[in-house]
Amino acid sequence: MRIARKKVSNQTAEMPEVDLSLINPLVEKYRDKKGNLIPVLQGVQGIYGYIPKLAFQKLNEDMGLRLSDMYGVATFYAQFRLSPVGKHIIKVCHGTACHVQSASKITDALEKELGIKDGHTTEDNLFTLESVACLGCCSLAPVMMIGDETFGSLNAKKAARVIKDIRRKEAL
């Protein structure tokens, strides 16, 4: 299975407010260290859940990191996000074992249940749906993870039920 490269949007969407002072400790910790780019980006994402555009600008100004280098790394590695994600990130495995067990039907059911396409976030910012290459749970195929919880031996109905249960819990 081929995983699509992240697309960088040129749309000028309204940027959420971010408190850039939160990354000051990262700047101080990594300012003059070699090989600081990936740990700094990971730290920024750990704070905000994604890497805000304004954070790139701050890192450029405060640490001298080149914008092209930061964007190159952030768009190359799948671990980095350039836009906010939902509270619950749903990762559907599309590795070989899951693929042959109809993982695409799981993704289709989740898209329908959530009202979004793969790679997007629901309007209420509760869920983000992602297809991933492998979750390493082949004996449970097909499988999805939400946060740290793994759901295996899925079918379309079971996957949709998991989402409904989370929504119900969130409503309490």
Protein backbone atom coordinates (compact mmCIF):
# COMPACT_ATOMS: atom_id res chain seq x y z
CA MET A 1 0.00 0.00 0.00
CA ARG A 2 1.22 3.44 -0.81
CA ILE A 3 0.76 6.23 1.74
CA ALA A 4 0.14 9.64 0.20
CA ARG A 5 2.59 12.45 0.89
CA LYS A 6 1.22 15.27 3.00
CA LYS A 7 -0.21 18.13 1.01
CA VAL A 8 0.67 21.63 2.12
CA SER A 9 -2.25 23.96 1.62
CA ASN A 10 -1.69 27.49 0.39
CA GLN A 11 -5.08 28.58 1.66
CA THR A 12 -5.02 31.45 4.10
CA ALA A 13 -7.28 29.95 6.74
CA GLU A 14 -7.84 31.70 10.02
CA MET A 15 -4.96 30.74 12.32
CA PRO A 16 -5.84 29.70 15.86
CA GLU A 17 -4.40 31.78 18.67
CA VAL A 18 -1.24 30.27 20.11
CA ASP A 19 0.82 31.36 23.11
CA LEU A 20 4.33 31.38 21.65
CA SER A 21 5.88 31.93 25.07
CA LEU A 22 5.20 28.24 25.77
CA ILE A 23 8.08 27.28 23.49
CA ASN A 24 10.64 29.56 25.17
CA PRO A 25 12.01 26.70 27.32
CA LEU A 26 12.56 24.63 24.15
CA VAL A 27 14.39 27.51 22.51
CA GLU A 28 16.66 27.86 25.53
CA LYS A 29 17.28 24.11 25.82
CA TYR A 30 18.17 23.56 22.16
CA ARG A 31 19.44 26.97 21.02
CA ASP A 32 23.05 26.08 20.23
CA LYS A 33 22.91 22.28 20.13
CA LYS A 34 23.78 20.29 17.03
CA GLY A 35 20.97 18.16 15.63
CA ASN A 36 18.34 20.26 17.36
CA LEU A 37 15.82 20.49 14.51
CA ILE A 38 13.80 17.31 15.04
CA PRO A 39 13.73 17.50 18.88
CA VAL A 40 12.59 21.14 18.69
CA LEU A 41 9.81 20.34 16.24
CA GLN A 42 8.75 17.35 18.36
CA GLY A 43 8.70 19.59 21.43
CA VAL A 44 6.58 22.24 19.71
CA GLN A 45 4.14 19.59 18.53
CA GLY A 46 4.04 18.15 22.04
CA ILE A 47 2.91 21.52 23.35
CA TYR A 48 0.28 22.42 20.73
CA GLY A 49 -0.61 19.04 19.19
CA TYR A 50 0.69 20.34 15.85
CA ILE A 51 3.30 22.85 14.65
CA PRO A 52 1.68 26.27 14.23
CA LYS A 53 2.92 28.52 11.43
CA LEU A 54 3.82 31.20 13.97
CA ALA A 55 6.03 28.71 15.82
CA PHE A 56 8.09 28.18 12.66
CA GLN A 57 8.59 31.94 12.46
CA LYS A 58 9.58 32.16 16.14
CA LEU A 59 12.08 29.31 15.80
CA ASN A 60 13.53 31.03 12.75
CA GLU A 61 13.94 34.33 14.60
CA ASP A 62 15.04 32.99 18.00
CA MET A 63 17.21 30.04 16.96
CA GLY A 64 18.23 30.86 13.41
CA LEU A 65 16.66 27.68 12.04
CA ARG A 66 15.89 28.09 8.34
CA LEU A 67 12.22 27.99 7.41
CA SER A 68 12.96 25.77 4.41
CA ASP A 69 14.75 23.24 6.62
CA MET A 70 11.95 23.18 9.18
CA TYR A 71 9.20 22.82 6.58
CA GLY A 72 11.23 20.19 4.74
CA VAL A 73 11.54 18.04 7.85
CA ALA A 74 7.96 18.66 9.01
CA THR A 75 6.47 17.67 5.66
CA PHE A 76 8.79 14.69 5.11
CA TYR A 77 8.15 12.86 8.39
CA ALA A 78 4.65 11.54 8.99
CA GLN A 79 4.91 12.21 12.72
CA PHE A 80 4.62 15.97 12.25
CA ARG A 81 1.36 17.84 11.80
CA LEU A 82 0.90 21.31 10.34
CA SER A 83 -2.72 21.78 11.36
CA PRO A 84 -4.69 21.14 14.55
CA VAL A 85 -5.95 17.62 15.15
CA GLY A 86 -8.93 16.25 17.00
CA LYS A 87 -8.96 15.23 20.63
CA HIS A 88 -9.08 11.58 19.50
CA ILE A 89 -6.78 10.52 16.67
CA ILE A 90 -8.06 7.40 14.94
CA LYS A 91 -5.32 5.45 13.17
CA VAL A 92 -6.57 2.73 10.86
CA CYS A 93 -3.93 0.18 9.88
CA HIS A 94 -3.60 -0.53 6.17
CA GLY A 95 -0.59 -2.83 6.43
CA THR A 96 -0.60 -6.14 4.59
CA ALA A 97 -2.47 -8.20 7.21
CA CYS A 98 -5.10 -5.50 7.71
CA HIS A 99 -5.37 -4.81 3.99
CA VAL A 100 -6.24 -8.42 3.17
CA GLN A 101 -8.78 -8.36 6.03
CA SER A 102 -10.61 -5.40 4.39
CA ALA A 103 -9.17 -2.43 6.27
CA SER A 104 -10.55 -0.18 3.52
CA LYS A 105 -14.08 -1.11 4.66
CA ILE A 106 -13.15 0.06 8.17
CA THR A 107 -11.91 3.38 6.82
CA ASP A 108 -15.03 3.77 4.66
CA ALA A 109 -17.31 3.10 7.66
CA LEU A 110 -15.41 5.59 9.80
CA GLU A 111 -15.55 8.24 7.08
CA LYS A 112 -19.30 7.76 6.91
CA GLU A 113 -19.77 7.76 10.70
CA LEU A 114 -17.59 10.84 11.21
CA GLY A 115 -18.67 12.72 8.09
CA ILE A 116 -15.07 13.38 7.06
CA LYS A 117 -12.49 12.01 4.65
CA ASP A 118 -9.31 10.20 5.62
CA GLY A 119 -6.72 12.68 6.86
CA HIS A 120 -9.29 15.21 8.10
CA THR A 121 -10.70 16.36 11.43
CA THR A 122 -14.33 16.61 12.41
CA GLU A 123 -15.81 20.12 12.73
CA ASP A 124 -16.17 19.70 16.50
CA ASN A 125 -12.42 18.87 16.70
CA LEU A 126 -13.24 15.62 18.46
CA PHE A 127 -11.82 13.15 15.89
CA THR A 128 -9.05 13.03 13.31
CA LEU A 129 -9.02 10.04 10.94
CA GLU A 130 -5.71 8.73 9.57
CA SER A 131 -4.68 5.72 7.52
CA VAL A 132 -1.29 4.39 8.58
CA ALA A 133 1.07 1.88 7.01
CA CYS A 134 1.28 -0.50 9.98
CA LEU A 135 0.43 -0.54 13.68
CA GLY A 136 2.33 -3.76 14.39
CA CYS A 137 -0.75 -5.66 15.58
CA CYS A 138 -1.04 -8.08 12.68
CA SER A 139 -2.58 -10.87 14.75
CA LEU A 140 -5.53 -8.54 15.53
CA ALA A 141 -6.17 -7.54 11.89
CA PRO A 142 -7.96 -5.46 10.89
CA VAL A 143 -7.04 -3.01 13.62
CA MET A 144 -7.31 0.65 14.58
CA MET A 145 -5.90 2.68 17.44
CA ILE A 146 -7.50 5.62 19.17
CA GLY A 147 -4.99 7.25 21.46
CA ASP A 148 -3.25 4.38 23.28
CA GLU A 149 -6.14 1.94 22.92
CA THR A 150 -6.09 -0.77 20.25
CA PHE A 151 -9.25 -2.19 18.70
CA GLY A 152 -8.78 -5.42 16.78
CA SER A 153 -10.70 -7.99 14.78
CA LEU A 154 -12.84 -5.14 13.48
CA ASN A 155 -15.57 -4.92 10.94
CA ALA A 156 -17.41 -1.80 9.77
CA LYS A 157 -20.13 -2.07 12.45
CA LYS A 158 -17.67 -2.59 15.32
CA ALA A 159 -15.56 0.39 14.21
CA ALA A 160 -18.62 2.66 14.00
CA ARG A 161 -19.79 1.45 17.42
CA VAL A 162 -16.44 2.44 18.97
CA ILE A 163 -16.92 5.99 17.65
CA LYS A 164 -20.50 6.14 18.92
CA ASP A 165 -19.33 5.00 22.37
CA ILE A 166 -16.64 7.69 22.50
CA ARG A 167 -19.16 10.35 21.44
CA ARG A 168 -21.54 9.17 24.14
CA LYS A 169 -18.80 9.36 26.81
CA GLU A 170 -17.76 12.83 25.61
CA ALA A 171 -21.36 14.06 25.91
CA LEU A 172 -21.52 13.17 29.63
